[in-house]
C-alpha atoms as a PDB file:
ATOM      1  CA  MET A   1      10.201 -38.979 -29.175  1.00  0.00           C
ATOM      2  CA  GLU A   2      10.186 -35.770 -27.352  1.00  0.00           C
ATOM      3  CA  ILE A   3       7.820 -32.892 -28.413  1.00  0.00           C
ATOM      4  CA  PHE A   4       8.786 -29.665 -27.001  1.00  0.00           C
ATOM      5  CA  THR A   5       6.435 -27.500 -25.269  1.00  0.00           C
ATOM      6  CA  PRO A   6       7.615 -23.716 -24.184  1.00  0.00           C
ATOM      7  CA  GLN A   7       7.588 -22.956 -21.024  1.00  0.00           C
ATOM      8  CA  THR A   8       6.186 -19.071 -19.782  1.00  0.00           C
ATOM      9  CA  PRO A   9       9.101 -17.511 -18.278  1.00  0.00           C
ATOM     10  CA  MET A  10       9.420 -16.636 -14.220  1.00  0.00           C
ATOM     11  CA  PRO A  11      10.724 -13.573 -12.758  1.00  0.00           C
ATOM     12  CA  LYS A  12      13.154 -14.818 -10.082  1.00  0.00           C
ATOM     13  CA  LYS A  13      13.339 -12.055  -7.418  1.00  0.00           C
ATOM     14  CA  GLU A  14      17.087 -11.450  -7.638  1.00  0.00           C
ATOM     15  CA  GLU A  15      16.465 -10.095 -11.585  1.00  0.00           C
ATOM     16  CA  VAL A  16      13.517  -7.390 -10.753  1.00  0.00           C
ATOM     17  CA  GLN A  17      14.534  -3.877 -11.219  1.00  0.00           C
ATOM     18  CA  ARG A  18      12.365  -2.095  -8.676  1.00  0.00           C
ATOM     19  CA  GLU A  19      11.741   1.625  -9.049  1.00  0.00           C
ATOM     20  CA  TRP A  20      11.103   4.201  -6.372  1.00  0.00           C
ATOM     21  CA  TYR A  21       7.707   6.695  -6.890  1.00  0.00           C
ATOM     22  CA  VAL A  22       6.182   9.326  -4.853  1.00  0.00           C
ATOM     23  CA  VAL A  23       2.528   9.716  -4.107  1.00  0.00           C
ATOM     24  CA  ASP A  24       0.779  13.060  -3.205  1.00  0.00           C
ATOM     25  CA  ALA A  25      -2.178  11.996  -1.394  1.00  0.00           C
ATOM     26  CA  SER A  26      -3.794  15.732  -0.886  1.00  0.00           C
ATOM     27  CA  GLY A  27      -7.365  15.493  -2.017  1.00  0.00           C
ATOM     28  CA  LYS A  28      -7.347  11.640  -3.644  1.00  0.00           C
ATOM     29  CA  VAL A  29     -10.031   9.358  -2.195  1.00  0.00           C
ATOM     30  CA  LEU A  30      -9.026   6.897  -0.042  1.00  0.00           C
ATOM     31  CA  GLY A  31     -10.004   3.781  -1.265  1.00  0.00           C
ATOM     32  CA  ARG A  32      -9.547   4.327  -5.276  1.00  0.00           C
ATOM     33  CA  LEU A  33      -5.540   5.259  -3.529  1.00  0.00           C
ATOM     34  CA  ALA A  34      -5.072   2.414  -1.905  1.00  0.00           C
ATOM     35  CA  SER A  35      -6.364   0.422  -4.294  1.00  0.00           C
ATOM     36  CA  GLU A  36      -3.769   1.521  -6.955  1.00  0.00           C
ATOM     37  CA  ILE A  37      -1.152   1.725  -4.630  1.00  0.00           C
ATOM     38  CA  ALA A  38      -2.005  -1.868  -3.430  1.00  0.00           C
ATOM     39  CA  LYS A  39      -1.517  -3.201  -7.212  1.00  0.00           C
ATOM     40  CA  ARG A  40       1.994  -1.168  -8.045  1.00  0.00           C
ATOM     41  CA  LEU A  41       3.454  -2.657  -4.832  1.00  0.00           C
ATOM     42  CA  ARG A  42       2.569  -6.036  -5.838  1.00  0.00           C
ATOM     43  CA  GLY A  43       3.839  -5.483  -9.374  1.00  0.00           C
ATOM     44  CA  LYS A  44       0.973  -5.933 -11.163  1.00  0.00           C
ATOM     45  CA  HIS A  45       1.316  -3.216 -13.846  1.00  0.00           C
ATOM     46  CA  ARG A  46       4.475  -5.241 -14.814  1.00  0.00           C
ATOM     47  CA  PRO A  47       4.139  -7.493 -18.048  1.00  0.00           C
ATOM     48  CA  HIS A  48       6.261 -10.429 -15.893  1.00  0.00           C
ATOM     49  CA  PHE A  49       4.097 -10.236 -13.069  1.00  0.00           C
ATOM     50  CA  ALA A  50       3.678 -14.063 -11.379  1.00  0.00           C
ATOM     51  CA  PRO A  51       1.458 -13.902  -7.385  1.00  0.00           C
ATOM     52  CA  HIS A  52       4.218 -15.292  -5.618  1.00  0.00           C
ATOM     53  CA  VAL A  53       7.253 -13.134  -6.871  1.00  0.00           C
ATOM     54  CA  ASP A  54       7.888  -9.639  -5.250  1.00  0.00           C
ATOM     55  CA  VAL A  55       7.847  -7.719  -8.685  1.00  0.00           C
ATOM     56  CA  GLY A  56       6.282  -4.399  -7.264  1.00  0.00           C
ATOM     57  CA  ASP A  57       7.902  -0.965  -6.334  1.00  0.00           C
ATOM     58  CA  PHE A  58       8.450   1.281  -3.404  1.00  0.00           C
ATOM     59  CA  ILE A  59       5.724   3.793  -2.775  1.00  0.00           C
ATOM     60  CA  VAL A  60       6.226   6.876  -1.383  1.00  0.00           C
ATOM     61  CA  VAL A  61       3.194   8.480   0.226  1.00  0.00           C
ATOM     62  CA  VAL A  62       3.281  12.386   1.224  1.00  0.00           C
ATOM     63  CA  ASN A  63       0.684  14.892   2.730  1.00  0.00           C
ATOM     64  CA  ALA A  64      -1.619  11.465   4.048  1.00  0.00           C
ATOM     65  CA  ALA A  65      -3.428  13.879   6.765  1.00  0.00           C
ATOM     66  CA  LYS A  66      -5.285  15.747   3.127  1.00  0.00           C
ATOM     67  CA  ILE A  67      -7.015  12.497   2.487  1.00  0.00           C
ATOM     68  CA  ARG A  68     -10.573  12.196   1.122  1.00  0.00           C
ATOM     69  CA  LEU A  69     -13.114  10.188   2.934  1.00  0.00           C
ATOM     70  CA  THR A  70     -16.796  10.301   0.201  1.00  0.00           C
ATOM     71  CA  GLY A  71     -19.951  10.484   2.255  1.00  0.00           C
ATOM     72  CA  LYS A  72     -20.524  10.222   5.943  1.00  0.00           C
ATOM     73  CA  LYS A  73     -17.813   7.844   6.583  1.00  0.00           C
ATOM     74  CA  TRP A  74     -15.800  10.900   8.482  1.00  0.00           C
ATOM     75  CA  ASP A  75     -17.748   9.657  11.230  1.00  0.00           C
ATOM     76  CA  GLN A  76     -19.523   7.082  10.041  1.00  0.00           C
ATOM     77  CA  LYS A  77     -16.584   3.990   9.402  1.00  0.00           C
ATOM     78  CA  ILE A  78     -15.032   2.965  12.501  1.00  0.00           C
ATOM     79  CA  TYR A  79     -11.784   1.096  12.996  1.00  0.00           C
ATOM     80  CA  TRP A  80     -11.728  -1.713  15.287  1.00  0.00           C
ATOM     81  CA  ARG A  81      -8.578  -3.708  17.836  1.00  0.00           C
ATOM     82  CA  HIS A  82      -8.594  -5.992  20.330  1.00  0.00           C
ATOM     83  CA  SER A  83      -5.653  -5.797  23.003  1.00  0.00           C
ATOM     84  CA  GLY A  84      -6.258  -9.945  23.391  1.00  0.00           C
ATOM     85  CA  TYR A  85      -7.968  -9.126  26.587  1.00  0.00           C
ATOM     86  CA  MET A  86     -11.278 -10.068  28.278  1.00  0.00           C
ATOM     87  CA  GLY A  87     -13.302  -6.089  27.566  1.00  0.00           C
ATOM     88  CA  GLY A  88     -10.400  -5.160  25.277  1.00  0.00           C
ATOM     89  CA  LEU A  89     -12.136  -4.152  22.418  1.00  0.00           C
ATOM     90  CA  LYS A  90     -11.106  -0.373  21.163  1.00  0.00           C
ATOM     91  CA  THR A  91     -12.326   1.319  18.371  1.00  0.00           C
ATOM     92  CA  ARG A  92     -11.993   4.704  16.611  1.00  0.00           C
ATOM     93  CA  THR A  93     -14.057   6.117  13.948  1.00  0.00           C
ATOM     94  CA  ALA A  94     -11.866   7.460  10.380  1.00  0.00           C
ATOM     95  CA  ARG A  95     -12.175  11.432  11.575  1.00  0.00           C
ATOM     96  CA  GLN A  96     -10.224  10.323  15.621  1.00  0.00           C
ATOM     97  CA  MET A  97      -7.531   8.390  13.070  1.00  0.00           C
ATOM     98  CA  LEU A  98      -6.554  11.262  10.923  1.00  0.00           C
ATOM     99  CA  GLN A  99      -6.197  13.389  13.988  1.00  0.00           C
ATOM    100  CA  GLU A 100      -3.885  11.031  16.061  1.00  0.00           C
ATOM    101  CA  LYS A 101      -2.597   8.724  13.301  1.00  0.00           C
ATOM    102  CA  PRO A 102      -3.072   9.714   9.642  1.00  0.00           C
ATOM    103  CA  GLU A 103      -0.639   7.562   7.783  1.00  0.00           C
ATOM    104  CA  GLU A 104      -2.667   4.935   9.806  1.00  0.00           C
ATOM    105  CA  LEU A 105      -5.575   4.699   7.393  1.00  0.00           C
ATOM    106  CA  ILE A 106      -3.624   4.923   4.233  1.00  0.00           C
ATOM    107  CA  ARG A 107      -1.145   1.827   5.816  1.00  0.00           C
ATOM    108  CA  LEU A 108      -4.654   0.010   6.749  1.00  0.00           C
ATOM    109  CA  ALA A 109      -6.393   0.242   3.834  1.00  0.00           C
ATOM    110  CA  VAL A 110      -3.512  -0.519   1.290  1.00  0.00           C
ATOM    111  CA  LYS A 111      -2.463  -3.240   4.332  1.00  0.00           C
ATOM    112  CA  ARG A 112      -6.180  -4.978   3.943  1.00  0.00           C
ATOM    113  CA  MET A 113      -6.190  -5.128   0.171  1.00  0.00           C
ATOM    114  CA  LEU A 114      -2.693  -6.924  -0.109  1.00  0.00           C
ATOM    115  CA  PRO A 115      -2.570 -10.753   0.183  1.00  0.00           C
ATOM    116  CA  LYS A 116      -2.960 -12.113   4.203  1.00  0.00           C
ATOM    117  CA  ASN A 117       0.541 -14.463   4.054  1.00  0.00           C
ATOM    118  CA  ARG A 118       3.837 -13.993   4.469  1.00  0.00           C
ATOM    119  CA  LEU A 119       4.406 -12.126   0.816  1.00  0.00           C
ATOM    120  CA  GLY A 120       1.896  -9.658   1.627  1.00  0.00           C
ATOM    121  CA  ARG A 121       3.555  -8.543   5.014  1.00  0.00           C
ATOM    122  CA  LYS A 122       7.124  -8.343   2.911  1.00  0.00           C
ATOM    123  CA  LEU A 123       5.246  -5.905  -0.200  1.00  0.00           C
ATOM    124  CA  LEU A 124       4.271  -3.779   3.113  1.00  0.00           C
ATOM    125  CA  LYS A 125       6.736  -2.974   4.139  1.00  0.00           C
ATOM    126  CA  LYS A 126       7.745  -1.584   0.893  1.00  0.00           C
ATOM    127  CA  LEU A 127       5.100   1.040   1.652  1.00  0.00           C
ATOM    128  CA  LYS A 128       6.212   4.167   3.052  1.00  0.00           C
ATOM    129  CA  VAL A 129       3.700   6.295   4.470  1.00  0.00           C
ATOM    130  CA  TYR A 130       4.319  10.326   5.645  1.00  0.00           C
ATOM    131  CA  ALA A 131       1.681  12.994   7.229  1.00  0.00           C
ATOM    132  CA  GLY A 132       2.883  16.228   5.666  1.00  0.00           C
ATOM    133  CA  PRO A 133       5.308  16.456   3.100  1.00  0.00           C
ATOM    134  CA  GLU A 134       8.673  15.419   3.944  1.00  0.00           C
ATOM    135  CA  HIS A 135      10.265  12.402   3.639  1.00  0.00           C
ATOM    136  CA  PRO A 136      13.635  10.883   4.149  1.00  0.00           C
ATOM    137  CA  HIS A 137      13.844   8.317   0.596  1.00  0.00           C
ATOM    138  CA  GLN A 138      15.302  11.236  -1.619  1.00  0.00           C
ATOM    139  CA  ALA A 139      18.915   9.270  -1.888  1.00  0.00           C
ATOM    140  CA  GLN A 140      17.084   6.636  -3.882  1.00  0.00           C
ATOM    141  CA  ASN A 141      15.603   9.310  -6.252  1.00  0.00           C
ATOM    142  CA  PRO A 142      11.860   8.430  -6.562  1.00  0.00           C
ATOM    143  CA  LYS A 143       9.810   9.361  -9.433  1.00  0.00           C
ATOM    144  CA  PRO A 144       6.493  11.053  -9.253  1.00  0.00           C
ATOM    145  CA  LEU A 145       3.360   8.793  -9.854  1.00  0.00           C
ATOM    146  CA  GLU A 146       0.005  10.514 -10.640  1.00  0.00           C
ATOM    147  CA  LEU A 147      -3.133   8.669  -9.895  1.00  0.00           C
END
């Protein structure tokens, strides 16, 4: 006698319908914006989310240069990177990062909220960040996303 156990349907990467969204970062707090973007990239807002499948959407972030940080983080938050050589540690404050590469502030914040594996690296490729209001993704008809 065979017992029937219903199985939960798993999404397949070929069947996923991905959307394009554009997010305006003007006046938004960095961490709160990054967590919402990471959730959308991962696909956690969808009813058929699976942790091992890429079911998320594409996100285009504009006006990254107008992002906000709370408190004294502009001068106290430090970004570290190392060249791999002795004495190769480079540090920059958030204010310096905003002046040099404003897109990198948002990209790093989102990257650190994604899984640290192959899937996380794949998800990060679906994030497009631009310092100003213009972006080259008009052909994809991105919908505005209010976060």
